[in-house]
């Protein structure tokens, strides 16, 4: 099985809300594919050597979530 993921594109990772009715919202980006953060994308790496199928993780630098299928 091949798992193809993108990396090195700013991706929403955290939302901070300040207290109060008129509080502000701070959006914090991390690494990912522009849709899914890298922490979630790398979960399939945990499957390596835990099942019969061979798992190959392929990371494409700068490729976003939608274009990972064509790039």
PDB file of N, CA and C in Angstrom:
ATOM      1  N   UNK A   1       0.836  -1.157   0.000  1.00  0.00           N
ATOM      2  CA  UNK A   1       0.000   0.000   0.000  1.00  0.00           C
ATOM      3  C   UNK A   1       0.892   1.234   0.000  1.00  0.00           C
ATOM      4  N   UNK A   2       0.543   2.200  -0.822  1.00  0.00           N
ATOM      5  CA  UNK A   2       1.267   3.466  -0.858  1.00  0.00           C
ATOM      6  C   UNK A   2       0.374   4.554  -0.281  1.00  0.00           C
ATOM      7  N   UNK A   3       0.948   5.350   0.602  1.00  0.00           N
ATOM      8  CA  UNK A   3       0.258   6.496   1.179  1.00  0.00           C
ATOM      9  C   UNK A   3       0.988   7.731   0.678  1.00  0.00           C
ATOM     10  N   UNK A   4       0.280   8.579  -0.069  1.00  0.00           N
ATOM     11  CA  UNK A   4       0.883   9.767  -0.665  1.00  0.00           C
ATOM     12  C   UNK A   4       0.321  10.992   0.034  1.00  0.00           C
ATOM     13  N   UNK A   5       1.222  11.806   0.579  1.00  0.00           N
ATOM     14  CA  UNK A   5       0.785  12.990   1.319  1.00  0.00           C
ATOM     15  C   UNK A   5       1.593  14.214   0.900  1.00  0.00           C
ATOM     16  N   UNK A   6       0.983  15.368   1.031  1.00  0.00           N
ATOM     17  CA  UNK A   6       1.664  16.635   0.767  1.00  0.00           C
ATOM     18  C   UNK A   6       2.199  17.224   2.055  1.00  0.00           C
ATOM     19  N   UNK A   7       3.144  18.143   1.927  1.00  0.00           N
ATOM     20  CA  UNK A   7       3.779  18.757   3.096  1.00  0.00           C
ATOM     21  C   UNK A   7       4.292  20.146   2.730  1.00  0.00           C
ATOM     22  N   UNK A   8       4.580  20.926   3.747  1.00  0.00           N
ATOM     23  CA  UNK A   8       5.166  22.266   3.615  1.00  0.00           C
ATOM     24  C   UNK A   8       4.232  23.285   2.974  1.00  0.00           C
ATOM     25  N   UNK A   9       2.944  23.176   3.295  1.00  0.00           N
ATOM     26  CA  UNK A   9       1.962  24.180   2.899  1.00  0.00           C
ATOM     27  C   UNK A   9       1.272  24.637   4.192  1.00  0.00           C
ATOM     28  N   UNK A  10       1.187  25.946   4.421  1.00  0.00           N
ATOM     29  CA  UNK A  10       0.525  26.408   5.634  1.00  0.00           C
ATOM     30  C   UNK A  10      -0.889  25.828   5.750  1.00  0.00           C
ATOM     31  N   UNK A  11      -1.171  25.231   6.918  1.00  0.00           N
ATOM     32  CA  UNK A  11      -2.437  24.536   7.140  1.00  0.00           C
ATOM     33  C   UNK A  11      -2.934  24.856   8.548  1.00  0.00           C
ATOM     34  N   UNK A  12      -4.214  25.173   8.655  1.00  0.00           N
ATOM     35  CA  UNK A  12      -4.779  25.488   9.957  1.00  0.00           C
ATOM     36  C   UNK A  12      -4.513  24.351  10.939  1.00  0.00           C
ATOM     37  N   UNK A  13      -3.922  24.700  12.069  1.00  0.00           N
ATOM     38  CA  UNK A  13      -3.587  23.694  13.071  1.00  0.00           C
ATOM     39  C   UNK A  13      -4.268  23.951  14.409  1.00  0.00           C
ATOM     40  N   UNK A  14      -4.517  25.226  14.708  1.00  0.00           N
ATOM     41  CA  UNK A  14      -5.038  25.559  16.025  1.00  0.00           C
ATOM     42  C   UNK A  14      -5.867  26.830  15.944  1.00  0.00           C
ATOM     43  N   UNK A  15      -6.931  26.897  16.756  1.00  0.00           N
ATOM     44  CA  UNK A  15      -7.756  28.097  16.850  1.00  0.00           C
ATOM     45  C   UNK A  15      -7.796  28.505  18.315  1.00  0.00           C
ATOM     46  N   UNK A  16      -7.367  29.718  18.599  1.00  0.00           N
ATOM     47  CA  UNK A  16      -7.409  30.258  19.964  1.00  0.00           C
ATOM     48  C   UNK A  16      -8.542  31.260  20.057  1.00  0.00           C
ATOM     49  N   UNK A  17      -9.400  31.068  21.045  1.00  0.00           N
ATOM     50  CA  UNK A  17     -10.498  31.991  21.303  1.00  0.00           C
ATOM     51  C   UNK A  17     -10.195  32.745  22.588  1.00  0.00           C
ATOM     52  N   UNK A  18     -10.312  34.063  22.550  1.00  0.00           N
ATOM     53  CA  UNK A  18     -10.171  34.831  23.779  1.00  0.00           C
ATOM     54  C   UNK A  18     -11.515  34.815  24.509  1.00  0.00           C
ATOM     55  N   UNK A  19     -11.495  35.096  25.781  1.00  0.00           N
ATOM     56  CA  UNK A  19     -12.724  35.025  26.563  1.00  0.00           C
ATOM     57  C   UNK A  19     -13.602  36.253  26.328  1.00  0.00           C
ATOM     58  N   UNK A  20     -14.865  36.116  26.676  1.00  0.00           N
ATOM     59  CA  UNK A  20     -15.802  37.224  26.566  1.00  0.00           C
ATOM     60  C   UNK A  20     -16.648  37.152  25.308  1.00  0.00           C
ATOM     61  N   UNK A  21     -17.724  37.898  25.315  1.00  0.00           N
ATOM     62  CA  UNK A  21     -18.648  37.895  24.176  1.00  0.00           C
ATOM     63  C   UNK A  21     -18.048  38.513  22.930  1.00  0.00           C
ATOM     64  N   UNK A  22     -17.191  39.493  23.099  1.00  0.00           N
ATOM     65  CA  UNK A  22     -16.587  40.168  21.958  1.00  0.00           C
ATOM     66  C   UNK A  22     -15.145  39.728  21.758  1.00  0.00           C
ATOM     67  N   UNK A  23     -14.832  38.527  22.183  1.00  0.00           N
ATOM     68  CA  UNK A  23     -13.473  38.021  22.091  1.00  0.00           C
ATOM     69  C   UNK A  23     -13.017  37.833  20.661  1.00  0.00           C
ATOM     70  N   UNK A  24     -11.727  37.795  20.510  1.00  0.00           N
ATOM     71  CA  UNK A  24     -11.153  37.621  19.178  1.00  0.00           C
ATOM     72  C   UNK A  24     -10.811  36.154  18.934  1.00  0.00           C
ATOM     73  N   UNK A  25     -10.597  35.843  17.692  1.00  0.00           N
ATOM     74  CA  UNK A  25     -10.217  34.495  17.271  1.00  0.00           C
ATOM     75  C   UNK A  25      -8.850  34.586  16.603  1.00  0.00           C
ATOM     76  N   UNK A  26      -7.942  33.733  17.034  1.00  0.00           N
ATOM     77  CA  UNK A  26      -6.612  33.685  16.430  1.00  0.00           C
ATOM     78  C   UNK A  26      -6.450  32.347  15.725  1.00  0.00           C
ATOM     79  N   UNK A  27      -6.187  32.381  14.412  1.00  0.00           N
ATOM     80  CA  UNK A  27      -5.960  31.173  13.624  1.00  0.00           C
ATOM     81  C   UNK A  27      -4.460  30.943  13.512  1.00  0.00           C
ATOM     82  N   UNK A  28      -4.018  29.757  13.878  1.00  0.00           N
ATOM     83  CA  UNK A  28      -2.598  29.440  13.872  1.00  0.00           C
ATOM     84  C   UNK A  28      -2.341  28.329  12.864  1.00  0.00           C
ATOM     85  N   UNK A  29      -1.473  28.636  11.905  1.00  0.00           N
ATOM     86  CA  UNK A  29      -1.117  27.643  10.896  1.00  0.00           C
ATOM     87  C   UNK A  29       0.062  26.796  11.353  1.00  0.00           C
ATOM     88  N   UNK A  30       0.094  25.592  10.839  1.00  0.00           N
ATOM     89  CA  UNK A  30       1.219  24.693  11.019  1.00  0.00           C
ATOM     90  C   UNK A  30       1.555  24.093   9.667  1.00  0.00           C
ATOM     91  N   UNK A  31       2.210  22.967   9.675  1.00  0.00           N
ATOM     92  CA  UNK A  31       2.582  22.285   8.434  1.00  0.00           C
ATOM     93  C   UNK A  31       1.461  21.345   8.012  1.00  0.00           C
ATOM     94  N   UNK A  32       1.347  21.112   6.732  1.00  0.00           N
ATOM     95  CA  UNK A  32       0.343  20.199   6.213  1.00  0.00           C
ATOM     96  C   UNK A  32       0.229  20.308   4.715  1.00  0.00           C
ATOM     97  N   UNK A  33      -0.954  19.930   4.204  1.00  0.00           N
ATOM     98  CA  UNK A  33      -1.185  19.959   2.757  1.00  0.00           C
ATOM     99  C   UNK A  33      -2.189  21.032   2.358  1.00  0.00           C
ATOM    100  N   UNK A  34      -2.434  21.993   3.256  1.00  0.00           N
ATOM    101  CA  UNK A  34      -3.385  23.064   2.973  1.00  0.00           C
ATOM    102  C   UNK A  34      -4.789  22.734   3.429  1.00  0.00           C
ATOM    103  N   UNK A  35      -5.091  21.466   3.664  1.00  0.00           N
ATOM    104  CA  UNK A  35      -6.391  21.028   4.155  1.00  0.00           C
ATOM    105  C   UNK A  35      -6.246  20.235   5.449  1.00  0.00           C
ATOM    106  N   UNK A  36      -5.330  19.291   5.467  1.00  0.00           N
ATOM    107  CA  UNK A  36      -5.112  18.412   6.618  1.00  0.00           C
ATOM    108  C   UNK A  36      -3.730  18.698   7.192  1.00  0.00           C
ATOM    109  N   UNK A  37      -3.650  18.844   8.525  1.00  0.00           N
ATOM    110  CA  UNK A  37      -2.345  19.127   9.120  1.00  0.00           C
ATOM    111  C   UNK A  37      -1.454  17.887   9.086  1.00  0.00           C
ATOM    112  N   UNK A  38      -0.146  18.132   9.152  1.00  0.00           N
ATOM    113  CA  UNK A  38       0.821  17.044   8.975  1.00  0.00           C
ATOM    114  C   UNK A  38       0.748  16.012  10.094  1.00  0.00           C
ATOM    115  N   UNK A  39       0.378  16.435  11.294  1.00  0.00           N
ATOM    116  CA  UNK A  39       0.246  15.485  12.398  1.00  0.00           C
ATOM    117  C   UNK A  39      -0.765  14.397  12.059  1.00  0.00           C
ATOM    118  N   UNK A  40      -1.833  14.764  11.390  1.00  0.00           N
ATOM    119  CA  UNK A  40      -2.843  13.787  10.976  1.00  0.00           C
ATOM    120  C   UNK A  40      -2.388  12.996   9.756  1.00  0.00           C
ATOM    121  N   UNK A  41      -1.706  13.674   8.831  1.00  0.00           N
ATOM    122  CA  UNK A  41      -1.262  13.002   7.610  1.00  0.00           C
ATOM    123  C   UNK A  41      -0.234  11.904   7.878  1.00  0.00           C
ATOM    124  N   UNK A  42       0.548  12.052   8.944  1.00  0.00           N
ATOM    125  CA  UNK A  42       1.593  11.067   9.201  1.00  0.00           C
ATOM    126  C   UNK A  42       1.115   9.867  10.029  1.00  0.00           C
ATOM    127  N   UNK A  43      -0.168   9.816  10.385  1.00  0.00           N
ATOM    128  CA  UNK A  43      -0.697   8.690  11.160  1.00  0.00           C
ATOM    129  C   UNK A  43      -0.476   7.343  10.468  1.00  0.00           C
ATOM    130  N   UNK A  44      -0.630   7.221   9.135  1.00  0.00           N
ATOM    131  CA  UNK A  44      -0.390   5.915   8.516  1.00  0.00           C
ATOM    132  C   UNK A  44       1.012   5.349   8.750  1.00  0.00           C
ATOM    133  N   UNK A  45       1.974   6.197   9.085  1.00  0.00           N
ATOM    134  CA  UNK A  45       3.320   5.703   9.392  1.00  0.00           C
ATOM    135  C   UNK A  45       3.303   4.801  10.628  1.00  0.00           C
ATOM    136  N   UNK A  46       2.298   4.970  11.480  1.00  0.00           N
ATOM    137  CA  UNK A  46       2.171   4.114  12.660  1.00  0.00           C
ATOM    138  C   UNK A  46       1.790   2.682  12.292  1.00  0.00           C
ATOM    139  N   UNK A  47       1.266   2.482  11.091  1.00  0.00           N
ATOM    140  CA  UNK A  47       0.829   1.161  10.658  1.00  0.00           C
ATOM    141  C   UNK A  47       1.985   0.296  10.158  1.00  0.00           C
ATOM    142  N   UNK A  48       3.119   0.917   9.831  1.00  0.00           N
ATOM    143  CA  UNK A  48       4.258   0.181   9.289  1.00  0.00           C
ATOM    144  C   UNK A  48       4.675  -0.908  10.283  1.00  0.00           C
ATOM    145  N   UNK A  49       4.871  -2.110   9.762  1.00  0.00           N
ATOM    146  CA  UNK A  49       5.265  -3.288  10.548  1.00  0.00           C
ATOM    147  C   UNK A  49       4.208  -3.764  11.538  1.00  0.00           C
ATOM    148  N   UNK A  50       2.969  -3.304  11.400  1.00  0.00           N
ATOM    149  CA  UNK A  50       1.902  -3.767  12.282  1.00  0.00           C
ATOM    150  C   UNK A  50       0.824  -4.532  11.532  1.00  0.00           C
ATOM    151  N   UNK A  51       1.058  -4.804  10.255  1.00  0.00           N
ATOM    152  CA  UNK A  51       0.127  -5.581   9.454  1.00  0.00           C
ATOM    153  C   UNK A  51       0.898  -6.286   8.363  1.00  0.00           C
ATOM    154  N   UNK A  52       0.232  -7.169   7.656  1.00  0.00           N
ATOM    155  CA  UNK A  52       0.907  -7.966   6.635  1.00  0.00           C
ATOM    156  C   UNK A  52       1.294  -7.162   5.395  1.00  0.00           C
ATOM    157  N   UNK A  53       0.500  -6.157   5.042  1.00  0.00           N
ATOM    158  CA  UNK A  53       0.782  -5.367   3.850  1.00  0.00           C
ATOM    159  C   UNK A  53       1.989  -4.456   4.069  1.00  0.00           C
ATOM    160  N   UNK A  54       2.777  -4.319   3.026  1.00  0.00           N
ATOM    161  CA  UNK A  54       3.893  -3.377   3.053  1.00  0.00           C
ATOM    162  C   UNK A  54       3.332  -1.969   2.853  1.00  0.00           C
ATOM    163  N   UNK A  55       3.736  -1.045   3.689  1.00  0.00           N
ATOM    164  CA  UNK A  55       3.251   0.328   3.589  1.00  0.00           C
ATOM    165  C   UNK A  55       4.419   1.233   3.230  1.00  0.00           C
ATOM    166  N   UNK A  56       4.222   1.997   2.163  1.00  0.00           N
ATOM    167  CA  UNK A  56       5.234   2.952   1.716  1.00  0.00           C
ATOM    168  C   UNK A  56       4.638   4.349   1.828  1.00  0.00           C
ATOM    169  N   UNK A  57       5.296   5.223   2.589  1.00  0.00           N
ATOM    170  CA  UNK A  57       4.853   6.603   2.753  1.00  0.00           C
ATOM    171  C   UNK A  57       5.623   7.469   1.761  1.00  0.00           C
ATOM    172  N   UNK A  58       4.901   8.190   0.916  1.00  0.00           N
ATOM    173  CA  UNK A  58       5.507   9.075  -0.073  1.00  0.00           C
ATOM    174  C   UNK A  58       5.086  10.503   0.267  1.00  0.00           C
ATOM    175  N   UNK A  59       6.062  11.354   0.572  1.00  0.00           N
ATOM    176  CA  UNK A  59       5.789  12.747   0.939  1.00  0.00           C
ATOM    177  C   UNK A  59       6.181  13.637  -0.232  1.00  0.00           C
ATOM    178  N   UNK A  60       5.218  14.426  -0.707  1.00  0.00           N
ATOM    179  CA  UNK A  60       5.462  15.345  -1.815  1.00  0.00           C
ATOM    180  C   UNK A  60       5.536  16.772  -1.274  1.00  0.00           C
ATOM    181  N   UNK A  61       6.697  17.368  -1.347  1.00  0.00           N
ATOM    182  CA  UNK A  61       6.937  18.699  -0.822  1.00  0.00           C
ATOM    183  C   UNK A  61       6.177  19.745  -1.627  1.00  0.00           C
ATOM    184  N   UNK A  62       5.371  20.555  -0.951  1.00  0.00           N
ATOM    185  CA  UNK A  62       4.671  21.663  -1.596  1.00  0.00           C
ATOM    186  C   UNK A  62       3.460  21.268  -2.412  1.00  0.00           C
ATOM    187  N   UNK A  63       2.975  20.048  -2.258  1.00  0.00           N
ATOM    188  CA  UNK A  63       1.796  19.612  -3.022  1.00  0.00           C
ATOM    189  C   UNK A  63       0.584  19.646  -2.095  1.00  0.00           C
ATOM    190  N   UNK A  64      -0.479  20.333  -2.533  1.00  0.00           N
ATOM    191  CA  UNK A  64      -1.645  20.479  -1.674  1.00  0.00           C
ATOM    192  C   UNK A  64      -2.571  19.266  -1.745  1.00  0.00           C
ATOM    193  N   UNK A  65      -3.578  19.277  -0.882  1.00  0.00           N
ATOM    194  CA  UNK A  65      -4.477  18.141  -0.688  1.00  0.00           C
ATOM    195  C   UNK A  65      -5.171  17.714  -1.986  1.00  0.00           C
ATOM    196  N   UNK A  66      -5.587  18.665  -2.782  1.00  0.00           N
ATOM    197  CA  UNK A  66      -6.317  18.353  -4.017  1.00  0.00           C
ATOM    198  C   UNK A  66      -5.372  17.864  -5.116  1.00  0.00           C
ATOM    199  N   UNK A  67      -4.204  18.459  -5.220  1.00  0.00           N
ATOM    200  CA  UNK A  67      -3.285  18.115  -6.311  1.00  0.00           C
ATOM    201  C   UNK A  67      -2.418  16.903  -6.033  1.00  0.00           C
ATOM    202  N   UNK A  68      -2.505  16.318  -4.835  1.00  0.00           N
ATOM    203  CA  UNK A  68      -1.685  15.163  -4.535  1.00  0.00           C
ATOM    204  C   UNK A  68      -1.999  13.996  -5.483  1.00  0.00           C
ATOM    205  N   UNK A  69      -3.202  13.947  -6.010  1.00  0.00           N
ATOM    206  CA  UNK A  69      -3.576  12.867  -6.942  1.00  0.00           C
ATOM    207  C   UNK A  69      -3.003  13.069  -8.331  1.00  0.00           C
ATOM    208  N   UNK A  70      -2.770  14.317  -8.720  1.00  0.00           N
ATOM    209  CA  UNK A  70      -2.265  14.554 -10.075  1.00  0.00           C
ATOM    210  C   UNK A  70      -0.761  14.799 -10.118  1.00  0.00           C
ATOM    211  N   UNK A  71      -0.195  15.328  -9.044  1.00  0.00           N
ATOM    212  CA  UNK A  71       1.241  15.604  -9.033  1.00  0.00           C
ATOM    213  C   UNK A  71       2.005  14.336  -8.718  1.00  0.00           C
TER     214      UNK A  71
END
